[in-house]
Amino acid sequence: MGTANVSGEYDIRKISLGFKSLFRTFSSFSFQIHEMTREENRVSVIAESHAIRKISNKKYNNHYHFLFEFQDDKLIKVKEFFDTIHANWIEEP
């Protein structure tokens, strides 16, 4: 799970607030999907983000692994792994 400020498990409300904060912090935040693999009830996604931090104008480009888990055709869990060192760098003044 990690120890970054964003680490942990969240309900749908807190996830929604997190996305709102993300879009307030960055301009033109987008993900580019590089690979997807499905096995049983899980989907693995390798992705890359591109954005610009509004306050500092720093370019943000990070790499991710998402693991989506489904049950009865509904998304029940997502695990996200990314470079927290890079994420912390973008927060520096």
PDB file of N, CA and C in Angstrom:
ATOM      1  N   MET A   1       0.809  -1.199   0.000  1.00  0.00           N
ATOM      2  CA  MET A   1       0.000   0.000   0.000  1.00  0.00           C
ATOM      3  C   MET A   1       0.849   1.258   0.000  1.00  0.00           C
ATOM      4  N   GLY A   2       2.038   1.190   0.553  1.00  0.00           N
ATOM      5  CA  GLY A   2       2.890   2.367   0.573  1.00  0.00           C
ATOM      6  C   GLY A   2       2.579   3.285   1.734  1.00  0.00           C
ATOM      7  N   THR A   3       3.385   4.336   1.852  1.00  0.00           N
ATOM      8  CA  THR A   3       3.220   5.273   2.964  1.00  0.00           C
ATOM      9  C   THR A   3       3.048   6.712   2.493  1.00  0.00           C
ATOM     10  N   ALA A   4       2.810   6.905   1.209  1.00  0.00           N
ATOM     11  CA  ALA A   4       2.576   8.268   0.702  1.00  0.00           C
ATOM     12  C   ALA A   4       1.248   8.790   1.244  1.00  0.00           C
ATOM     13  N   ASN A   5       1.058  10.096   1.165  1.00  0.00           N
ATOM     14  CA  ASN A   5      -0.182  10.707   1.659  1.00  0.00           C
ATOM     15  C   ASN A   5      -1.433  10.121   1.018  1.00  0.00           C
ATOM     16  N   VAL A   6      -1.311   9.634  -0.207  1.00  0.00           N
ATOM     17  CA  VAL A   6      -2.484   9.112  -0.915  1.00  0.00           C
ATOM     18  C   VAL A   6      -2.671   7.610  -0.731  1.00  0.00           C
ATOM     19  N   SER A   7      -1.784   6.960   0.028  1.00  0.00           N
ATOM     20  CA  SER A   7      -1.875   5.508   0.206  1.00  0.00           C
ATOM     21  C   SER A   7      -3.075   5.142   1.067  1.00  0.00           C
ATOM     22  N   GLY A   8      -3.637   3.957   0.799  1.00  0.00           N
ATOM     23  CA  GLY A   8      -4.730   3.451   1.624  1.00  0.00           C
ATOM     24  C   GLY A   8      -5.910   3.003   0.809  1.00  0.00           C
ATOM     25  N   GLU A   9      -6.959   2.602   1.511  1.00  0.00           N
ATOM     26  CA  GLU A   9      -8.207   2.184   0.872  1.00  0.00           C
ATOM     27  C   GLU A   9      -9.235   3.289   1.022  1.00  0.00           C
ATOM     28  N   TYR A  10     -10.008   3.524  -0.051  1.00  0.00           N
ATOM     29  CA  TYR A  10     -10.966   4.618  -0.054  1.00  0.00           C
ATOM     30  C   TYR A  10     -12.322   4.156  -0.567  1.00  0.00           C
ATOM     31  N   ASP A  11     -13.372   4.802  -0.066  1.00  0.00           N
ATOM     32  CA  ASP A  11     -14.703   4.553  -0.599  1.00  0.00           C
ATOM     33  C   ASP A  11     -14.916   5.463  -1.810  1.00  0.00           C
ATOM     34  N   ILE A  12     -16.038   5.295  -2.481  1.00  0.00           N
ATOM     35  CA  ILE A  12     -16.311   6.025  -3.729  1.00  0.00           C
ATOM     36  C   ILE A  12     -16.320   7.535  -3.513  1.00  0.00           C
ATOM     37  N   ARG A  13     -16.792   8.007  -2.363  1.00  0.00           N
ATOM     38  CA  ARG A  13     -16.836   9.441  -2.079  1.00  0.00           C
ATOM     39  C   ARG A  13     -15.425  10.023  -2.015  1.00  0.00           C
ATOM     40  N   LYS A  14     -14.536   9.355  -1.288  1.00  0.00           N
ATOM     41  CA  LYS A  14     -13.175   9.864  -1.131  1.00  0.00           C
ATOM     42  C   LYS A  14     -12.403   9.776  -2.453  1.00  0.00           C
ATOM     43  N   ILE A  15     -12.677   8.762  -3.240  1.00  0.00           N
ATOM     44  CA  ILE A  15     -12.039   8.657  -4.559  1.00  0.00           C
ATOM     45  C   ILE A  15     -12.477   9.822  -5.436  1.00  0.00           C
ATOM     46  N   SER A  16     -13.766  10.141  -5.412  1.00  0.00           N
ATOM     47  CA  SER A  16     -14.285  11.267  -6.204  1.00  0.00           C
ATOM     48  C   SER A  16     -13.620  12.574  -5.789  1.00  0.00           C
ATOM     49  N   LEU A  17     -13.467  12.787  -4.482  1.00  0.00           N
ATOM     50  CA  LEU A  17     -12.796  14.002  -3.998  1.00  0.00           C
ATOM     51  C   LEU A  17     -11.338  14.035  -4.446  1.00  0.00           C
ATOM     52  N   GLY A  18     -10.690  12.871  -4.464  1.00  0.00           N
ATOM     53  CA  GLY A  18      -9.309  12.792  -4.923  1.00  0.00           C
ATOM     54  C   GLY A  18      -9.160  13.193  -6.384  1.00  0.00           C
ATOM     55  N   PHE A  19     -10.104  12.728  -7.231  1.00  0.00           N
ATOM     56  CA  PHE A  19     -10.057  13.102  -8.645  1.00  0.00           C
ATOM     57  C   PHE A  19     -10.312  14.589  -8.831  1.00  0.00           C
ATOM     58  N   LYS A  20     -11.227  15.157  -8.054  1.00  0.00           N
ATOM     59  CA  LYS A  20     -11.479  16.596  -8.147  1.00  0.00           C
ATOM     60  C   LYS A  20     -10.219  17.378  -7.795  1.00  0.00           C
ATOM     61  N   SER A  21      -9.528  16.938  -6.745  1.00  0.00           N
ATOM     62  CA  SER A  21      -8.285  17.598  -6.340  1.00  0.00           C
ATOM     63  C   SER A  21      -7.217  17.480  -7.423  1.00  0.00           C
ATOM     64  N   LEU A  22      -7.144  16.316  -8.036  1.00  0.00           N
ATOM     65  CA  LEU A  22      -6.180  16.077  -9.113  1.00  0.00           C
ATOM     66  C   LEU A  22      -6.388  17.058 -10.266  1.00  0.00           C
ATOM     67  N   PHE A  23      -7.635  17.248 -10.671  1.00  0.00           N
ATOM     68  CA  PHE A  23      -7.922  18.128 -11.796  1.00  0.00           C
ATOM     69  C   PHE A  23      -7.822  19.613 -11.422  1.00  0.00           C
ATOM     70  N   ARG A  24      -7.917  19.936 -10.129  1.00  0.00           N
ATOM     71  CA  ARG A  24      -7.675  21.315  -9.691  1.00  0.00           C
ATOM     72  C   ARG A  24      -6.179  21.613  -9.662  1.00  0.00           C
ATOM     73  N   THR A  25      -5.363  20.592  -9.429  1.00  0.00           N
ATOM     74  CA  THR A  25      -3.926  20.759  -9.286  1.00  0.00           C
ATOM     75  C   THR A  25      -3.196  20.789 -10.623  1.00  0.00           C
ATOM     76  N   PHE A  26      -3.682  20.018 -11.585  1.00  0.00           N
ATOM     77  CA  PHE A  26      -2.991  19.853 -12.867  1.00  0.00           C
ATOM     78  C   PHE A  26      -3.819  20.347 -14.042  1.00  0.00           C
ATOM     79  N   SER A  27      -3.120  20.815 -15.071  1.00  0.00           N
ATOM     80  CA  SER A  27      -3.755  21.157 -16.350  1.00  0.00           C
ATOM     81  C   SER A  27      -3.641  19.965 -17.283  1.00  0.00           C
ATOM     82  N   SER A  28      -4.667  19.715 -18.026  1.00  0.00           N
ATOM     83  CA  SER A  28      -4.640  18.706 -19.099  1.00  0.00           C
ATOM     84  C   SER A  28      -4.128  17.346 -18.629  1.00  0.00           C
ATOM     85  N   PHE A  29      -4.564  16.884 -17.475  1.00  0.00           N
ATOM     86  CA  PHE A  29      -4.123  15.583 -16.960  1.00  0.00           C
ATOM     87  C   PHE A  29      -4.702  14.484 -17.838  1.00  0.00           C
ATOM     88  N   SER A  30      -3.820  13.600 -18.312  1.00  0.00           N
ATOM     89  CA  SER A  30      -4.294  12.493 -19.148  1.00  0.00           C
ATOM     90  C   SER A  30      -3.463  11.247 -18.904  1.00  0.00           C
ATOM     91  N   PHE A  31      -4.052  10.112 -19.207  1.00  0.00           N
ATOM     92  CA  PHE A  31      -3.360   8.834 -19.144  1.00  0.00           C
ATOM     93  C   PHE A  31      -3.228   8.270 -20.543  1.00  0.00           C
ATOM     94  N   GLN A  32      -2.077   7.698 -20.823  1.00  0.00           N
ATOM     95  CA  GLN A  32      -1.847   6.963 -22.058  1.00  0.00           C
ATOM     96  C   GLN A  32      -1.686   5.500 -21.658  1.00  0.00           C
ATOM     97  N   ILE A  33      -2.535   4.634 -22.186  1.00  0.00           N
ATOM     98  CA  ILE A  33      -2.465   3.215 -21.858  1.00  0.00           C
ATOM     99  C   ILE A  33      -1.475   2.540 -22.789  1.00  0.00           C
ATOM    100  N   HIS A  34      -0.532   1.797 -22.205  1.00  0.00           N
ATOM    101  CA  HIS A  34       0.483   1.096 -22.984  1.00  0.00           C
ATOM    102  C   HIS A  34       0.172  -0.393 -23.130  1.00  0.00           C
ATOM    103  N   GLU A  35      -0.307  -1.025 -22.064  1.00  0.00           N
ATOM    104  CA  GLU A  35      -0.590  -2.467 -22.106  1.00  0.00           C
ATOM    105  C   GLU A  35      -1.798  -2.779 -21.234  1.00  0.00           C
ATOM    106  N   MET A  36      -2.546  -3.799 -21.642  1.00  0.00           N
ATOM    107  CA  MET A  36      -3.647  -4.314 -20.828  1.00  0.00           C
ATOM    108  C   MET A  36      -3.626  -5.836 -20.913  1.00  0.00           C
ATOM    109  N   THR A  37      -3.813  -6.475 -19.751  1.00  0.00           N
ATOM    110  CA  THR A  37      -3.850  -7.928 -19.699  1.00  0.00           C
ATOM    111  C   THR A  37      -4.999  -8.347 -18.794  1.00  0.00           C
ATOM    112  N   ARG A  38      -5.785  -9.329 -19.239  1.00  0.00           N
ATOM    113  CA  ARG A  38      -6.905  -9.823 -18.442  1.00  0.00           C
ATOM    114  C   ARG A  38      -6.640 -11.268 -18.044  1.00  0.00           C
ATOM    115  N   GLU A  39      -6.897 -11.573 -16.779  1.00  0.00           N
ATOM    116  CA  GLU A  39      -6.802 -12.936 -16.280  1.00  0.00           C
ATOM    117  C   GLU A  39      -7.862 -13.114 -15.205  1.00  0.00           C
ATOM    118  N   GLU A  40      -8.723 -14.105 -15.392  1.00  0.00           N
ATOM    119  CA  GLU A  40      -9.840 -14.367 -14.481  1.00  0.00           C
ATOM    120  C   GLU A  40     -10.637 -13.080 -14.258  1.00  0.00           C
ATOM    121  N   ASN A  41     -10.743 -12.612 -13.022  1.00  0.00           N
ATOM    122  CA  ASN A  41     -11.557 -11.420 -12.755  1.00  0.00           C
ATOM    123  C   ASN A  41     -10.702 -10.150 -12.580  1.00  0.00           C
ATOM    124  N   ARG A  42      -9.463 -10.187 -13.085  1.00  0.00           N
ATOM    125  CA  ARG A  42      -8.550  -9.053 -12.928  1.00  0.00           C
ATOM    126  C   ARG A  42      -8.085  -8.523 -14.286  1.00  0.00           C
ATOM    127  N   VAL A  43      -7.901  -7.219 -14.334  1.00  0.00           N
ATOM    128  CA  VAL A  43      -7.333  -6.571 -15.523  1.00  0.00           C
ATOM    129  C   VAL A  43      -6.149  -5.722 -15.068  1.00  0.00           C
ATOM    130  N   SER A  44      -5.006  -5.951 -15.681  1.00  0.00           N
ATOM    131  CA  SER A  44      -3.788  -5.210 -15.393  1.00  0.00           C
ATOM    132  C   SER A  44      -3.595  -4.159 -16.485  1.00  0.00           C
ATOM    133  N   VAL A  45      -3.299  -2.937 -16.076  1.00  0.00           N
ATOM    134  CA  VAL A  45      -3.093  -1.846 -17.036  1.00  0.00           C
ATOM    135  C   VAL A  45      -1.769  -1.141 -16.729  1.00  0.00           C
ATOM    136  N   ILE A  46      -0.920  -1.039 -17.734  1.00  0.00           N
ATOM    137  CA  ILE A  46       0.311  -0.260 -17.650  1.00  0.00           C
ATOM    138  C   ILE A  46       0.024   1.059 -18.361  1.00  0.00           C
ATOM    139  N   ALA A  47       0.221   2.170 -17.649  1.00  0.00           N
ATOM    140  CA  ALA A  47      -0.151   3.471 -18.198  1.00  0.00           C
ATOM    141  C   ALA A  47       0.902   4.521 -17.857  1.00  0.00           C
ATOM    142  N   GLU A  48       0.781   5.649 -18.532  1.00  0.00           N
ATOM    143  CA  GLU A  48       1.683   6.776 -18.328  1.00  0.00           C
ATOM    144  C   GLU A  48       0.838   8.041 -18.262  1.00  0.00           C
ATOM    145  N   SER A  49       1.156   8.923 -17.323  1.00  0.00           N
ATOM    146  CA  SER A  49       0.404  10.173 -17.209  1.00  0.00           C
ATOM    147  C   SER A  49       1.187  11.327 -17.804  1.00  0.00           C
ATOM    148  N   HIS A  50       0.437  12.330 -18.244  1.00  0.00           N
ATOM    149  CA  HIS A  50       1.002  13.578 -18.757  1.00  0.00           C
ATOM    150  C   HIS A  50       0.149  14.717 -18.209  1.00  0.00           C
ATOM    151  N   ALA A  51       0.812  15.724 -17.641  1.00  0.00           N
ATOM    152  CA  ALA A  51       0.090  16.876 -17.097  1.00  0.00           C
ATOM    153  C   ALA A  51       1.076  17.996 -16.816  1.00  0.00           C
ATOM    154  N   ILE A  52       0.525  19.139 -16.449  1.00  0.00           N
ATOM    155  CA  ILE A  52       1.336  20.271 -16.011  1.00  0.00           C
ATOM    156  C   ILE A  52       0.746  20.776 -14.698  1.00  0.00           C
ATOM    157  N   ARG A  53       1.615  20.908 -13.689  1.00  0.00           N
ATOM    158  CA  ARG A  53       1.162  21.417 -12.393  1.00  0.00           C
ATOM    159  C   ARG A  53       0.863  22.901 -12.549  1.00  0.00           C
ATOM    160  N   LYS A  54      -0.348  23.296 -12.172  1.00  0.00           N
ATOM    161  CA  LYS A  54      -0.802  24.669 -12.393  1.00  0.00           C
ATOM    162  C   LYS A  54       0.048  25.704 -11.664  1.00  0.00           C
ATOM    163  N   ILE A  55       0.424  25.442 -10.422  1.00  0.00           N
ATOM    164  CA  ILE A  55       1.151  26.432  -9.623  1.00  0.00           C
ATOM    165  C   ILE A  55       2.570  26.663 -10.137  1.00  0.00           C
ATOM    166  N   SER A  56       3.297  25.598 -10.432  1.00  0.00           N
ATOM    167  CA  SER A  56       4.722  25.722 -10.776  1.00  0.00           C
ATOM    168  C   SER A  56       5.025  25.589 -12.266  1.00  0.00           C
ATOM    169  N   ASN A  57       4.053  25.168 -13.041  1.00  0.00           N
ATOM    170  CA  ASN A  57       4.230  24.913 -14.474  1.00  0.00           C
ATOM    171  C   ASN A  57       5.174  23.738 -14.742  1.00  0.00           C
ATOM    172  N   LYS A  58       5.453  22.903 -13.724  1.00  0.00           N
ATOM    173  CA  LYS A  58       6.297  21.726 -13.909  1.00  0.00           C
ATOM    174  C   LYS A  58       5.543  20.675 -14.716  1.00  0.00           C
ATOM    175  N   LYS A  59       6.264  20.043 -15.625  1.00  0.00           N
ATOM    176  CA  LYS A  59       5.681  18.941 -16.390  1.00  0.00           C
ATOM    177  C   LYS A  59       5.649  17.697 -15.509  1.00  0.00           C
ATOM    178  N   TYR A  60       4.525  17.022 -15.509  1.00  0.00           N
ATOM    179  CA  TYR A  60       4.368  15.796 -14.727  1.00  0.00           C
ATOM    180  C   TYR A  60       4.201  14.643 -15.705  1.00  0.00           C
ATOM    181  N   ASN A  61       5.084  13.670 -15.589  1.00  0.00           N
ATOM    182  CA  ASN A  61       5.043  12.488 -16.446  1.00  0.00           C
ATOM    183  C   ASN A  61       5.426  11.305 -15.561  1.00  0.00           C
ATOM    184  N   ASN A  62       4.446  10.477 -15.226  1.00  0.00           N
ATOM    185  CA  ASN A  62       4.700   9.365 -14.328  1.00  0.00           C
ATOM    186  C   ASN A  62       4.231   8.072 -14.977  1.00  0.00           C
ATOM    187  N   HIS A  63       4.683   6.953 -14.430  1.00  0.00           N
ATOM    188  CA  HIS A  63       4.339   5.627 -14.958  1.00  0.00           C
ATOM    189  C   HIS A  63       3.606   4.845 -13.886  1.00  0.00           C
ATOM    190  N   TYR A  64       2.601   4.078 -14.308  1.00  0.00           N
ATOM    191  CA  TYR A  64       1.681   3.437 -13.372  1.00  0.00           C
ATOM    192  C   TYR A  64       1.432   1.982 -13.739  1.00  0.00           C
ATOM    193  N   HIS A  65       1.043   1.240 -12.728  1.00  0.00           N
ATOM    194  CA  HIS A  65       0.427  -0.066 -12.921  1.00  0.00           C
ATOM    195  C   HIS A  65      -0.880  -0.041 -12.138  1.00  0.00           C
ATOM    196  N   PHE A  66      -1.980  -0.279 -12.829  1.00  0.00           N
ATOM    197  CA  PHE A  66      -3.296  -0.398 -12.197  1.00  0.00           C
ATOM    198  C   PHE A  66      -3.721  -1.855 -12.258  1.00  0.00           C
ATOM    199  N   LEU A  67      -4.290  -2.345 -11.173  1.00  0.00           N
ATOM    200  CA  LEU A  67      -4.865  -3.684 -11.156  1.00  0.00           C
ATOM    201  C   LEU A  67      -6.330  -3.541 -10.786  1.00  0.00           C
ATOM    202  N   PHE A  68      -7.212  -3.821 -11.741  1.00  0.00           N
ATOM    203  CA  PHE A  68      -8.659  -3.725 -11.546  1.00  0.00           C
ATOM    204  C   PHE A  68      -9.212  -5.112 -11.238  1.00  0.00           C
ATOM    205  N   GLU A  69     -10.094  -5.184 -10.245  1.00  0.00           N
ATOM    206  CA  GLU A  69     -10.718  -6.459  -9.883  1.00  0.00           C
ATOM    207  C   GLU A  69     -12.235  -6.318 -10.021  1.00  0.00           C
ATOM    208  N   PHE A  70     -12.852  -7.310 -10.666  1.00  0.00           N
ATOM    209  CA  PHE A  70     -14.283  -7.273 -10.945  1.00  0.00           C
ATOM    210  C   PHE A  70     -15.003  -8.442 -10.280  1.00  0.00           C
ATOM    211  N   GLN A  71     -16.266  -8.212  -9.969  1.00  0.00           N
ATOM    212  CA  GLN A  71     -17.131  -9.281  -9.464  1.00  0.00           C
ATOM    213  C   GLN A  71     -18.536  -9.003  -9.987  1.00  0.00           C
ATOM    214  N   ASP A  72     -19.148 -10.003 -10.617  1.00  0.00           N
ATOM    215  CA  ASP A  72     -20.494  -9.847 -11.201  1.00  0.00           C
ATOM    216  C   ASP A  72     -20.565  -8.641 -12.130  1.00  0.00           C
ATOM    217  N   ASP A  73     -19.551  -8.484 -12.977  1.00  0.00           N
ATOM    218  CA  ASP A  73     -19.468  -7.394 -13.959  1.00  0.00           C
ATOM    219  C   ASP A  73     -19.387  -6.007 -13.333  1.00  0.00           C
ATOM    220  N   LYS A  74     -19.010  -5.913 -12.059  1.00  0.00           N
ATOM    221  CA  LYS A  74     -18.855  -4.619 -11.397  1.00  0.00           C
ATOM    222  C   LYS A  74     -17.435  -4.487 -10.872  1.00  0.00           C
ATOM    223  N   LEU A  75     -16.899  -3.282 -10.982  1.00  0.00           N
ATOM    224  CA  LEU A  75     -15.575  -2.986 -10.457  1.00  0.00           C
ATOM    225  C   LEU A  75     -15.655  -2.959  -8.933  1.00  0.00           C
ATOM    226  N   ILE A  76     -14.832  -3.789  -8.266  1.00  0.00           N
ATOM    227  CA  ILE A  76     -14.896  -3.832  -6.801  1.00  0.00           C
ATOM    228  C   ILE A  76     -13.608  -3.349  -6.126  1.00  0.00           C
ATOM    229  N   LYS A  77     -12.491  -3.317  -6.860  1.00  0.00           N
ATOM    230  CA  LYS A  77     -11.237  -2.878  -6.243  1.00  0.00           C
ATOM    231  C   LYS A  77     -10.259  -2.438  -7.325  1.00  0.00           C
ATOM    232  N   VAL A  78      -9.488  -1.406  -6.997  1.00  0.00           N
ATOM    233  CA  VAL A  78      -8.406  -0.943  -7.876  1.00  0.00           C
ATOM    234  C   VAL A  78      -7.166  -0.761  -7.013  1.00  0.00           C
ATOM    235  N   LYS A  79      -6.059  -1.290  -7.473  1.00  0.00           N
ATOM    236  CA  LYS A  79      -4.770  -1.035  -6.843  1.00  0.00           C
ATOM    237  C   LYS A  79      -3.939  -0.241  -7.834  1.00  0.00           C
ATOM    238  N   GLU A  80      -3.323   0.819  -7.338  1.00  0.00           N
ATOM    239  CA  GLU A  80      -2.517   1.695  -8.189  1.00  0.00           C
ATOM    240  C   GLU A  80      -1.099   1.733  -7.644  1.00  0.00           C
ATOM    241  N   PHE A  81      -0.137   1.544  -8.530  1.00  0.00           N
ATOM    242  CA  PHE A  81       1.266   1.637  -8.162  1.00  0.00           C
ATOM    243  C   PHE A  81       1.915   2.661  -9.083  1.00  0.00           C
ATOM    244  N   PHE A  82       2.657   3.614  -8.495  1.00  0.00           N
ATOM    245  CA  PHE A  82       3.326   4.626  -9.302  1.00  0.00           C
ATOM    246  C   PHE A  82       4.588   5.092  -8.586  1.00  0.00           C
ATOM    247  N   ASP A  83       5.380   5.876  -9.261  1.00  0.00           N
ATOM    248  CA  ASP A  83       6.647   6.366  -8.730  1.00  0.00           C
ATOM    249  C   ASP A  83       6.383   7.500  -7.745  1.00  0.00           C
ATOM    250  N   THR A  84       6.380   7.180  -6.447  1.00  0.00           N
ATOM    251  CA  THR A  84       6.071   8.199  -5.442  1.00  0.00           C
ATOM    252  C   THR A  84       7.183   9.238  -5.327  1.00  0.00           C
ATOM    253  N   ILE A  85       8.414   8.882  -5.655  1.00  0.00           N
ATOM    254  CA  ILE A  85       9.500   9.864  -5.628  1.00  0.00           C
ATOM    255  C   ILE A  85       9.196  10.978  -6.635  1.00  0.00           C
ATOM    256  N   HIS A  86       8.763  10.587  -7.836  1.00  0.00           N
ATOM    257  CA  HIS A  86       8.425  11.583  -8.850  1.00  0.00           C
ATOM    258  C   HIS A  86       7.210  12.399  -8.409  1.00  0.00           C
ATOM    259  N   ALA A  87       6.234  11.742  -7.822  1.00  0.00           N
ATOM    260  CA  ALA A  87       5.037  12.445  -7.359  1.00  0.00           C
ATOM    261  C   ALA A  87       5.400  13.454  -6.270  1.00  0.00           C
ATOM    262  N   ASN A  88       6.314  13.099  -5.382  1.00  0.00           N
ATOM    263  CA  ASN A  88       6.747  14.033  -4.339  1.00  0.00           C
ATOM    264  C   ASN A  88       7.539  15.191  -4.930  1.00  0.00           C
ATOM    265  N   TRP A  89       8.349  14.927  -5.978  1.00  0.00           N
ATOM    266  CA  TRP A  89       9.126  15.989  -6.622  1.00  0.00           C
ATOM    267  C   TRP A  89       8.207  17.084  -7.172  1.00  0.00           C
ATOM    268  N   ILE A  90       7.110  16.680  -7.747  1.00  0.00           N
ATOM    269  CA  ILE A  90       6.203  17.671  -8.358  1.00  0.00           C
ATOM    270  C   ILE A  90       5.585  18.575  -7.291  1.00  0.00           C
ATOM    271  N   GLU A  91       5.542  18.118  -6.039  1.00  0.00           N
ATOM    272  CA  GLU A  91       4.986  18.899  -4.940  1.00  0.00           C
ATOM    273  C   GLU A  91       5.971  19.935  -4.404  1.00  0.00           C
ATOM    274  N   GLU A  92       7.279  19.741  -4.677  1.00  0.00           N
ATOM    275  CA  GLU A  92       8.275  20.672  -4.176  1.00  0.00           C
ATOM    276  C   GLU A  92       8.123  22.041  -4.829  1.00  0.00           C
ATOM    277  N   PRO A  93       8.399  23.101  -4.070  1.00  0.00           N
ATOM    278  CA  PRO A  93       8.274  24.467  -4.664  1.00  0.00           C
ATOM    279  C   PRO A  93       9.299  24.722  -5.756  1.00  0.00           C
TER     280      PRO A  93
END
